[in-house]
Amino acid sequence: MTTALITGATAGLGAAFARRLARDGRDVVLVARDADRLSDHATELHDRHGIEASVLAADLSTDEGISAVEERLADRTHPVDLLVNNAGFGLKGRYLEVPMADELTMLKVHCEAVLRLTSAAAGQMRERGRGGVVNVASVAAFVPRGTYGASKAWIVQFTQGAAEDLADSGVRLMALCPGFVRTEFHERAGMAVDSVPSWMWLEADRVVEAALKDLARGKTLSVPDPRYKTLMGATKLVPRGVLGKLSSGSGRRYGPQ
């Protein structure tokens, strides 16, 4: 039986990935900060699907938390076959309104943790000649969106570059770029979403289904909905300066999780 490790696994896309992978018969390792929520989620998955669900409480904004997950990914006796780097958060406010400490924490979680965990997993997977990594980014990667958009753009570029380097290794890497997803993400960040049209909202379970299909097809970039594929195609025709003004006017946060 194969094993998947999911970060940010107690809510949103992370929880949806865990549910789907457990339903498919994979054992799961659930990673998040809240030990109690992790335990409850693991018990539910085990009881419902009969798989092994282990938990690892770790804060990926700290070196200790990242190192703990790296250590689990390096375990050759219980190898991880699929890594889903989903942990992430948004910030309320425009540039220079957000404390620098919060901006740096975002880079730690969105960039450093993704780099280190992807590397820890991919190294083991390359030795075995198989495995997969899904790094959750956002459609915000394609428009000027301050630190959030920049960090998600980094995820896309890093993932696609690493996928090219590992093309003949049996290891698949893919950046997942959804749009607005119905999760508790925006509420946790204190962001109002009343202005978002209803047609722009995606369901987490459908995003996960599309992502896993794209990974199986060998795609290195997944935009899991025709509506957002069209929107992202349109952004290529709009000058960057105009995009920046439009995205700034819509508020700081644009995207999933």
C-alpha atoms as a PDB file:
ATOM      1  CA  MET A   1       0.000   0.000   0.000  1.00  0.00           C
ATOM      2  CA  THR A   2       1.332   3.460  -0.900  1.00  0.00           C
ATOM      3  CA  THR A   3       1.603   6.404   1.478  1.00  0.00           C
ATOM      4  CA  ALA A   4       0.844  10.093   0.945  1.00  0.00           C
ATOM      5  CA  LEU A   5       1.986  12.947   3.173  1.00  0.00           C
ATOM      6  CA  ILE A   6      -0.157  16.086   3.145  1.00  0.00           C
ATOM      7  CA  THR A   7       0.742  19.392   4.811  1.00  0.00           C
ATOM      8  CA  GLY A   8      -2.009  21.718   5.948  1.00  0.00           C
ATOM      9  CA  ALA A   9      -4.122  18.591   6.197  1.00  0.00           C
ATOM     10  CA  THR A  10      -6.814  19.600   8.691  1.00  0.00           C
ATOM     11  CA  ALA A  11      -8.868  21.900   6.462  1.00  0.00           C
ATOM     12  CA  GLY A  12      -9.531  23.071   2.932  1.00  0.00           C
ATOM     13  CA  LEU A  13      -7.652  21.496   0.054  1.00  0.00           C
ATOM     14  CA  GLY A  14      -5.376  19.596   2.431  1.00  0.00           C
ATOM     15  CA  ALA A  15      -8.319  17.847   4.075  1.00  0.00           C
ATOM     16  CA  ALA A  16      -9.853  17.196   0.649  1.00  0.00           C
ATOM     17  CA  PHE A  17      -6.616  15.598  -0.575  1.00  0.00           C
ATOM     18  CA  ALA A  18      -6.510  13.433   2.549  1.00  0.00           C
ATOM     19  CA  ARG A  19     -10.111  12.288   2.093  1.00  0.00           C
ATOM     20  CA  ARG A  20      -9.632  11.432  -1.570  1.00  0.00           C
ATOM     21  CA  LEU A  21      -6.326   9.625  -1.121  1.00  0.00           C
ATOM     22  CA  ALA A  22      -7.665   7.624   1.836  1.00  0.00           C
ATOM     23  CA  ARG A  23     -10.735   6.715  -0.204  1.00  0.00           C
ATOM     24  CA  ASP A  24      -8.395   5.464  -2.933  1.00  0.00           C
ATOM     25  CA  GLY A  25      -6.756   3.143  -0.402  1.00  0.00           C
ATOM     26  CA  ARG A  26      -3.580   5.092   0.363  1.00  0.00           C
ATOM     27  CA  ASP A  27      -2.182   5.359   3.854  1.00  0.00           C
ATOM     28  CA  VAL A  28      -1.781   9.006   4.847  1.00  0.00           C
ATOM     29  CA  VAL A  29       0.504  11.103   7.022  1.00  0.00           C
ATOM     30  CA  LEU A  30      -1.310  14.260   8.077  1.00  0.00           C
ATOM     31  CA  VAL A  31       0.752  17.352   8.903  1.00  0.00           C
ATOM     32  CA  ALA A  32      -0.526  20.556  10.519  1.00  0.00           C
ATOM     33  CA  ARG A  33      -0.047  22.635  13.655  1.00  0.00           C
ATOM     34  CA  ASP A  34      -3.191  21.589  15.554  1.00  0.00           C
ATOM     35  CA  ALA A  35      -2.544  18.172  17.112  1.00  0.00           C
ATOM     36  CA  ASP A  36      -6.136  17.700  18.266  1.00  0.00           C
ATOM     37  CA  ARG A  37      -7.639  18.395  14.855  1.00  0.00           C
ATOM     38  CA  LEU A  38      -5.050  16.136  13.254  1.00  0.00           C
ATOM     39  CA  SER A  39      -5.944  13.285  15.584  1.00  0.00           C
ATOM     40  CA  ASP A  40      -9.678  13.680  14.956  1.00  0.00           C
ATOM     41  CA  HIS A  41      -9.176  13.770  11.192  1.00  0.00           C
ATOM     42  CA  ALA A  42      -6.879  10.734  11.242  1.00  0.00           C
ATOM     43  CA  THR A  43      -9.349   8.724  13.296  1.00  0.00           C
ATOM     44  CA  GLU A  44     -12.179   9.580  10.922  1.00  0.00           C
ATOM     45  CA  LEU A  45     -10.162   8.527   7.859  1.00  0.00           C
ATOM     46  CA  HIS A  46      -9.048   5.292   9.475  1.00  0.00           C
ATOM     47  CA  ASP A  47     -12.541   4.342  10.605  1.00  0.00           C
ATOM     48  CA  ARG A  48     -14.166   5.231   7.291  1.00  0.00           C
ATOM     49  CA  HIS A  49     -11.622   3.801   4.852  1.00  0.00           C
ATOM     50  CA  GLY A  50      -9.621   1.245   6.844  1.00  0.00           C
ATOM     51  CA  ILE A  51      -6.279   2.832   6.007  1.00  0.00           C
ATOM     52  CA  GLU A  52      -3.414   3.780   8.309  1.00  0.00           C
ATOM     53  CA  ALA A  53      -3.554   7.476   9.149  1.00  0.00           C
ATOM     54  CA  SER A  54      -0.672   8.876  11.171  1.00  0.00           C
ATOM     55  CA  VAL A  55      -0.227  12.443  12.364  1.00  0.00           C
ATOM     56  CA  LEU A  56       2.717  14.810  12.635  1.00  0.00           C
ATOM     57  CA  ALA A  57       2.131  18.096  14.432  1.00  0.00           C
ATOM     58  CA  ALA A  58       4.553  20.597  12.921  1.00  0.00           C
ATOM     59  CA  ASP A  59       4.659  24.350  12.381  1.00  0.00           C
ATOM     60  CA  LEU A  60       6.171  24.951   8.947  1.00  0.00           C
ATOM     61  CA  SER A  61       6.965  28.557   9.806  1.00  0.00           C
ATOM     62  CA  THR A  62       9.776  27.230  12.024  1.00  0.00           C
ATOM     63  CA  ASP A  63      12.992  25.369  11.279  1.00  0.00           C
ATOM     64  CA  GLU A  64      12.021  22.745  13.838  1.00  0.00           C
ATOM     65  CA  GLY A  65       8.715  22.074  12.118  1.00  0.00           C
ATOM     66  CA  ILE A  66      10.231  21.816   8.654  1.00  0.00           C
ATOM     67  CA  SER A  67      13.004  19.555   9.946  1.00  0.00           C
ATOM     68  CA  ALA A  68      10.477  17.212  11.570  1.00  0.00           C
ATOM     69  CA  VAL A  69       8.679  16.718   8.252  1.00  0.00           C
ATOM     70  CA  GLU A  70      11.984  16.353   6.384  1.00  0.00           C
ATOM     71  CA  GLU A  71      12.911  13.571   8.785  1.00  0.00           C
ATOM     72  CA  ARG A  72       9.643  11.742   8.102  1.00  0.00           C
ATOM     73  CA  LEU A  73      10.118  12.079   4.353  1.00  0.00           C
ATOM     74  CA  ALA A  74      13.635  10.632   4.674  1.00  0.00           C
ATOM     75  CA  ASP A  75      12.374   7.474   6.424  1.00  0.00           C
ATOM     76  CA  ARG A  76      13.316   4.604   4.100  1.00  0.00           C
ATOM     77  CA  THR A  77      11.447   1.991   6.147  1.00  0.00           C
ATOM     78  CA  HIS A  78       8.106   3.784   5.681  1.00  0.00           C
ATOM     79  CA  PRO A  79       8.537   5.615   2.365  1.00  0.00           C
ATOM     80  CA  VAL A  80       6.252   8.392   1.179  1.00  0.00           C
ATOM     81  CA  ASP A  81       5.095   7.932  -2.421  1.00  0.00           C
ATOM     82  CA  LEU A  82       3.155  11.186  -2.792  1.00  0.00           C
ATOM     83  CA  LEU A  83       3.852  14.537  -1.139  1.00  0.00           C
ATOM     84  CA  VAL A  84       1.228  17.290  -1.194  1.00  0.00           C
ATOM     85  CA  ASN A  85       2.695  20.629  -0.102  1.00  0.00           C
ATOM     86  CA  ASN A  86      -0.539  22.418   0.704  1.00  0.00           C
ATOM     87  CA  ALA A  87       0.242  24.450   3.846  1.00  0.00           C
ATOM     88  CA  GLY A  88      -0.174  28.163   3.280  1.00  0.00           C
ATOM     89  CA  PHE A  89      -1.946  31.316   4.377  1.00  0.00           C
ATOM     90  CA  GLY A  90      -2.975  34.764   3.220  1.00  0.00           C
ATOM     91  CA  LEU A  91      -2.316  38.245   4.582  1.00  0.00           C
ATOM     92  CA  LYS A  92      -4.865  41.014   4.949  1.00  0.00           C
ATOM     93  CA  GLY A  93      -3.576  44.389   3.814  1.00  0.00           C
ATOM     94  CA  ARG A  94      -1.516  45.949   1.055  1.00  0.00           C
ATOM     95  CA  TYR A  95       2.222  46.298   0.782  1.00  0.00           C
ATOM     96  CA  LEU A  96       3.697  48.291   3.722  1.00  0.00           C
ATOM     97  CA  GLU A  97       0.457  47.719   5.673  1.00  0.00           C
ATOM     98  CA  VAL A  98       1.471  44.170   6.630  1.00  0.00           C
ATOM     99  CA  PRO A  99       4.160  43.673   9.303  1.00  0.00           C
ATOM    100  CA  MET A 100       7.497  42.581   7.862  1.00  0.00           C
ATOM    101  CA  ALA A 101       7.558  39.614  10.245  1.00  0.00           C
ATOM    102  CA  ASP A 102       4.355  38.304   8.653  1.00  0.00           C
ATOM    103  CA  GLU A 103       5.748  38.755   5.139  1.00  0.00           C
ATOM    104  CA  LEU A 104       8.871  36.787   6.092  1.00  0.00           C
ATOM    105  CA  THR A 105       6.790  34.048   7.690  1.00  0.00           C
ATOM    106  CA  MET A 106       4.864  33.720   4.450  1.00  0.00           C
ATOM    107  CA  LEU A 107       8.101  33.236   2.517  1.00  0.00           C
ATOM    108  CA  LYS A 108       9.190  30.631   5.071  1.00  0.00           C
ATOM    109  CA  VAL A 109       6.016  28.585   4.623  1.00  0.00           C
ATOM    110  CA  HIS A 110       5.377  29.110   0.914  1.00  0.00           C
ATOM    111  CA  CYS A 111       8.971  28.972  -0.355  1.00  0.00           C
ATOM    112  CA  GLU A 112      11.526  27.560   2.088  1.00  0.00           C
ATOM    113  CA  ALA A 113       9.274  24.787   3.395  1.00  0.00           C
ATOM    114  CA  VAL A 114       8.197  23.831  -0.140  1.00  0.00           C
ATOM    115  CA  LEU A 115      11.834  23.751  -1.313  1.00  0.00           C
ATOM    116  CA  ARG A 116      13.069  21.691   1.599  1.00  0.00           C
ATOM    117  CA  LEU A 117      10.201  19.219   1.723  1.00  0.00           C
ATOM    118  CA  THR A 118      10.107  18.735  -2.041  1.00  0.00           C
ATOM    119  CA  SER A 119      13.844  18.063  -2.012  1.00  0.00           C
ATOM    120  CA  ALA A 120      13.605  15.623   0.888  1.00  0.00           C
ATOM    121  CA  ALA A 121      10.791  13.694  -0.801  1.00  0.00           C
ATOM    122  CA  ALA A 122      12.131  13.796  -4.355  1.00  0.00           C
ATOM    123  CA  GLY A 123      15.531  12.526  -3.293  1.00  0.00           C
ATOM    124  CA  GLN A 124      14.021   9.390  -1.793  1.00  0.00           C
ATOM    125  CA  MET A 125      11.621   8.957  -4.699  1.00  0.00           C
ATOM    126  CA  ARG A 126      14.414   9.193  -7.258  1.00  0.00           C
ATOM    127  CA  GLU A 127      16.255   6.370  -5.497  1.00  0.00           C
ATOM    128  CA  ARG A 128      13.136   4.186  -5.817  1.00  0.00           C
ATOM    129  CA  GLY A 129      12.429   5.347  -9.373  1.00  0.00           C
ATOM    130  CA  ARG A 130       8.885   6.492  -8.671  1.00  0.00           C
ATOM    131  CA  GLY A 131       6.814   9.014  -6.745  1.00  0.00           C
ATOM    132  CA  GLY A 132       4.976  12.305  -7.039  1.00  0.00           C
ATOM    133  CA  VAL A 133       4.905  15.802  -5.546  1.00  0.00           C
ATOM    134  CA  VAL A 134       2.019  18.270  -5.780  1.00  0.00           C
ATOM    135  CA  ASN A 135       2.918  21.814  -4.732  1.00  0.00           C
ATOM    136  CA  VAL A 136      -0.182  23.922  -4.195  1.00  0.00           C
ATOM    137  CA  ALA A 137       0.249  27.384  -5.714  1.00  0.00           C
ATOM    138  CA  SER A 138      -2.539  29.643  -6.995  1.00  0.00           C
ATOM    139  CA  VAL A 139      -3.767  31.549 -10.029  1.00  0.00           C
ATOM    140  CA  ALA A 140      -2.349  34.500  -8.093  1.00  0.00           C
ATOM    141  CA  ALA A 141       1.011  33.308  -9.431  1.00  0.00           C
ATOM    142  CA  PHE A 142       0.094  34.822 -12.801  1.00  0.00           C
ATOM    143  CA  VAL A 143      -0.887  38.338 -11.699  1.00  0.00           C
ATOM    144  CA  PRO A 144       0.955  40.990  -9.635  1.00  0.00           C
ATOM    145  CA  ARG A 145      -0.133  40.226  -6.085  1.00  0.00           C
ATOM    146  CA  GLY A 146       2.612  41.342  -3.707  1.00  0.00           C
ATOM    147  CA  THR A 147       4.358  38.781  -1.523  1.00  0.00           C
ATOM    148  CA  TYR A 148       1.536  36.265  -1.792  1.00  0.00           C
ATOM    149  CA  GLY A 149       1.488  36.234  -5.581  1.00  0.00           C
ATOM    150  CA  ALA A 150       5.288  36.333  -5.740  1.00  0.00           C
ATOM    151  CA  SER A 151       5.600  33.328  -3.435  1.00  0.00           C
ATOM    152  CA  LYS A 152       3.083  31.367  -5.488  1.00  0.00           C
ATOM    153  CA  ALA A 153       4.864  32.336  -8.701  1.00  0.00           C
ATOM    154  CA  TRP A 154       8.057  31.016  -7.130  1.00  0.00           C
ATOM    155  CA  ILE A 155       6.318  27.699  -6.409  1.00  0.00           C
ATOM    156  CA  VAL A 156       5.258  27.385 -10.046  1.00  0.00           C
ATOM    157  CA  GLN A 157       8.692  28.208 -11.442  1.00  0.00           C
ATOM    158  CA  PHE A 158      10.532  26.016  -8.949  1.00  0.00           C
ATOM    159  CA  THR A 159       8.223  23.046  -9.473  1.00  0.00           C
ATOM    160  CA  GLN A 160       8.325  23.156 -13.247  1.00  0.00           C
ATOM    161  CA  GLY A 161      12.090  23.572 -13.245  1.00  0.00           C
ATOM    162  CA  ALA A 162      12.568  20.660 -10.847  1.00  0.00           C
ATOM    163  CA  ALA A 163      10.177  18.545 -12.922  1.00  0.00           C
ATOM    164  CA  GLU A 164      12.324  19.165 -15.983  1.00  0.00           C
ATOM    165  CA  ASP A 165      15.478  18.150 -14.116  1.00  0.00           C
ATOM    166  CA  LEU A 166      13.831  14.941 -12.894  1.00  0.00           C
ATOM    167  CA  ALA A 167      12.020  14.135 -16.148  1.00  0.00           C
ATOM    168  CA  ASP A 168      13.692  10.738 -16.622  1.00  0.00           C
ATOM    169  CA  SER A 169      13.723   9.699 -12.963  1.00  0.00           C
ATOM    170  CA  GLY A 170      10.184   8.364 -12.539  1.00  0.00           C
ATOM    171  CA  VAL A 171       9.379  11.248 -10.161  1.00  0.00           C
ATOM    172  CA  ARG A 172       6.517  13.542 -11.169  1.00  0.00           C
ATOM    173  CA  LEU A 173       6.258  17.099  -9.895  1.00  0.00           C
ATOM    174  CA  MET A 174       3.298  19.386 -10.486  1.00  0.00           C
ATOM    175  CA  ALA A 175       2.250  22.881  -9.417  1.00  0.00           C
ATOM    176  CA  LEU A 176      -1.466  23.145  -8.681  1.00  0.00           C
ATOM    177  CA  CYS A 177      -2.997  26.571  -9.382  1.00  0.00           C
ATOM    178  CA  PRO A 178      -6.666  26.801  -8.414  1.00  0.00           C
ATOM    179  CA  GLY A 179      -8.688  29.957  -8.041  1.00  0.00           C
ATOM    180  CA  PHE A 180     -11.093  30.741  -5.208  1.00  0.00           C
ATOM    181  CA  VAL A 181     -11.908  27.536  -3.330  1.00  0.00           C
ATOM    182  CA  ARG A 182     -14.690  27.181  -0.755  1.00  0.00           C
ATOM    183  CA  THR A 183     -12.620  26.584   2.393  1.00  0.00           C
ATOM    184  CA  GLU A 184     -11.990  28.365   5.681  1.00  0.00           C
ATOM    185  CA  PHE A 185      -8.829  29.934   4.227  1.00  0.00           C
ATOM    186  CA  HIS A 186     -10.236  33.415   3.678  1.00  0.00           C
ATOM    187  CA  GLU A 187     -12.040  33.471   7.020  1.00  0.00           C
ATOM    188  CA  ARG A 188      -8.802  32.599   8.854  1.00  0.00           C
ATOM    189  CA  ALA A 189      -7.064  35.477   7.068  1.00  0.00           C
ATOM    190  CA  GLY A 190      -9.883  37.889   7.960  1.00  0.00           C
ATOM    191  CA  MET A 191     -10.675  38.616   4.320  1.00  0.00           C
ATOM    192  CA  ALA A 192     -14.065  39.678   3.000  1.00  0.00           C
ATOM    193  CA  VAL A 193     -15.119  37.666  -0.036  1.00  0.00           C
ATOM    194  CA  ASP A 194     -18.579  39.098  -0.644  1.00  0.00           C
ATOM    195  CA  SER A 195     -17.326  40.824  -3.799  1.00  0.00           C
ATOM    196  CA  VAL A 196     -16.241  37.532  -5.395  1.00  0.00           C
ATOM    197  CA  PRO A 197     -18.821  36.424  -8.017  1.00  0.00           C
ATOM    198  CA  SER A 198     -20.448  33.080  -7.248  1.00  0.00           C
ATOM    199  CA  TRP A 199     -19.259  31.573 -10.535  1.00  0.00           C
ATOM    200  CA  MET A 200     -15.627  32.005  -9.476  1.00  0.00           C
ATOM    201  CA  TRP A 201     -15.897  29.658  -6.503  1.00  0.00           C
ATOM    202  CA  LEU A 202     -14.591  26.080  -6.808  1.00  0.00           C
ATOM    203  CA  GLU A 203     -15.327  23.026  -4.674  1.00  0.00           C
ATOM    204  CA  ALA A 204     -12.290  21.529  -2.937  1.00  0.00           C
ATOM    205  CA  ASP A 205     -13.126  17.918  -3.797  1.00  0.00           C
ATOM    206  CA  ARG A 206     -13.396  18.722  -7.505  1.00  0.00           C
ATOM    207  CA  VAL A 207     -10.111  20.611  -7.446  1.00  0.00           C
ATOM    208  CA  VAL A 208      -8.408  17.580  -5.908  1.00  0.00           C
ATOM    209  CA  GLU A 209      -9.942  15.213  -8.444  1.00  0.00           C
ATOM    210  CA  ALA A 210      -8.735  17.360 -11.337  1.00  0.00           C
ATOM    211  CA  ALA A 211      -5.287  17.734  -9.786  1.00  0.00           C
ATOM    212  CA  LEU A 212      -4.768  13.998  -9.355  1.00  0.00           C
ATOM    213  CA  LYS A 213      -5.853  13.373 -12.940  1.00  0.00           C
ATOM    214  CA  ASP A 214      -3.400  15.980 -14.203  1.00  0.00           C
ATOM    215  CA  LEU A 215      -0.604  14.473 -12.107  1.00  0.00           C
ATOM    216  CA  ALA A 216      -1.345  11.029 -13.553  1.00  0.00           C
ATOM    217  CA  ARG A 217      -1.160  12.538 -17.050  1.00  0.00           C
ATOM    218  CA  GLY A 218       2.306  13.866 -16.317  1.00  0.00           C
ATOM    219  CA  LYS A 219       1.390  17.559 -16.313  1.00  0.00           C
ATOM    220  CA  THR A 220       3.723  19.930 -14.483  1.00  0.00           C
ATOM    221  CA  LEU A 221       1.084  22.672 -14.153  1.00  0.00           C
ATOM    222  CA  SER A 222      -2.572  22.192 -13.277  1.00  0.00           C
ATOM    223  CA  VAL A 223      -5.217  24.932 -13.481  1.00  0.00           C
ATOM    224  CA  PRO A 224      -8.168  22.739 -12.512  1.00  0.00           C
ATOM    225  CA  ASP A 225     -11.176  24.427 -14.052  1.00  0.00           C
ATOM    226  CA  PRO A 226     -12.094  25.639 -17.565  1.00  0.00           C
ATOM    227  CA  ARG A 227     -13.216  29.016 -16.222  1.00  0.00           C
ATOM    228  CA  TYR A 228      -9.815  29.741 -14.723  1.00  0.00           C
ATOM    229  CA  LYS A 229      -7.979  28.340 -17.739  1.00  0.00           C
ATOM    230  CA  THR A 230      -9.826  30.940 -19.810  1.00  0.00           C
ATOM    231  CA  LEU A 231      -9.077  33.720 -17.337  1.00  0.00           C
ATOM    232  CA  MET A 232      -5.392  32.825 -17.185  1.00  0.00           C
ATOM    233  CA  GLY A 233      -5.240  32.788 -20.975  1.00  0.00           C
ATOM    234  CA  ALA A 234      -6.745  36.253 -21.029  1.00  0.00           C
ATOM    235  CA  THR A 235      -4.124  37.612 -18.622  1.00  0.00           C
ATOM    236  CA  LYS A 236      -1.477  37.001 -21.296  1.00  0.00           C
ATOM    237  CA  LEU A 237      -3.186  39.617 -23.461  1.00  0.00           C
ATOM    238  CA  VAL A 238      -3.396  42.300 -20.764  1.00  0.00           C
ATOM    239  CA  PRO A 239      -0.369  44.550 -19.992  1.00  0.00           C
ATOM    240  CA  ARG A 240       1.261  43.824 -16.621  1.00  0.00           C
ATOM    241  CA  GLY A 241       0.646  47.378 -15.429  1.00  0.00           C
ATOM    242  CA  VAL A 242      -3.079  47.037 -16.030  1.00  0.00           C
ATOM    243  CA  LEU A 243      -3.135  43.655 -14.310  1.00  0.00           C
ATOM    244  CA  GLY A 244      -1.392  45.159 -11.317  1.00  0.00           C
ATOM    245  CA  LYS A 245      -4.002  47.908 -10.983  1.00  0.00           C
ATOM    246  CA  LEU A 246      -6.882  45.448 -11.376  1.00  0.00           C
ATOM    247  CA  SER A 247      -5.521  42.977  -8.846  1.00  0.00           C
ATOM    248  CA  SER A 248      -4.675  45.755  -6.377  1.00  0.00           C
ATOM    249  CA  GLY A 249      -8.199  47.074  -6.642  1.00  0.00           C
ATOM    250  CA  SER A 250      -9.660  43.660  -5.848  1.00  0.00           C
ATOM    251  CA  GLY A 251      -7.802  43.426  -2.531  1.00  0.00           C
ATOM    252  CA  ARG A 252      -4.568  41.800  -1.465  1.00  0.00           C
ATOM    253  CA  ARG A 253      -5.626  38.161  -1.553  1.00  0.00           C
ATOM    254  CA  TYR A 254      -6.449  36.315  -4.783  1.00  0.00           C
ATOM    255  CA  GLY A 255      -6.568  32.566  -4.898  1.00  0.00           C
ATOM    256  CA  PRO A 256      -7.125  29.307  -3.049  1.00  0.00           C
ATOM    257  CA  GLN A 257      -6.576  27.255   0.080  1.00  0.00           C
END
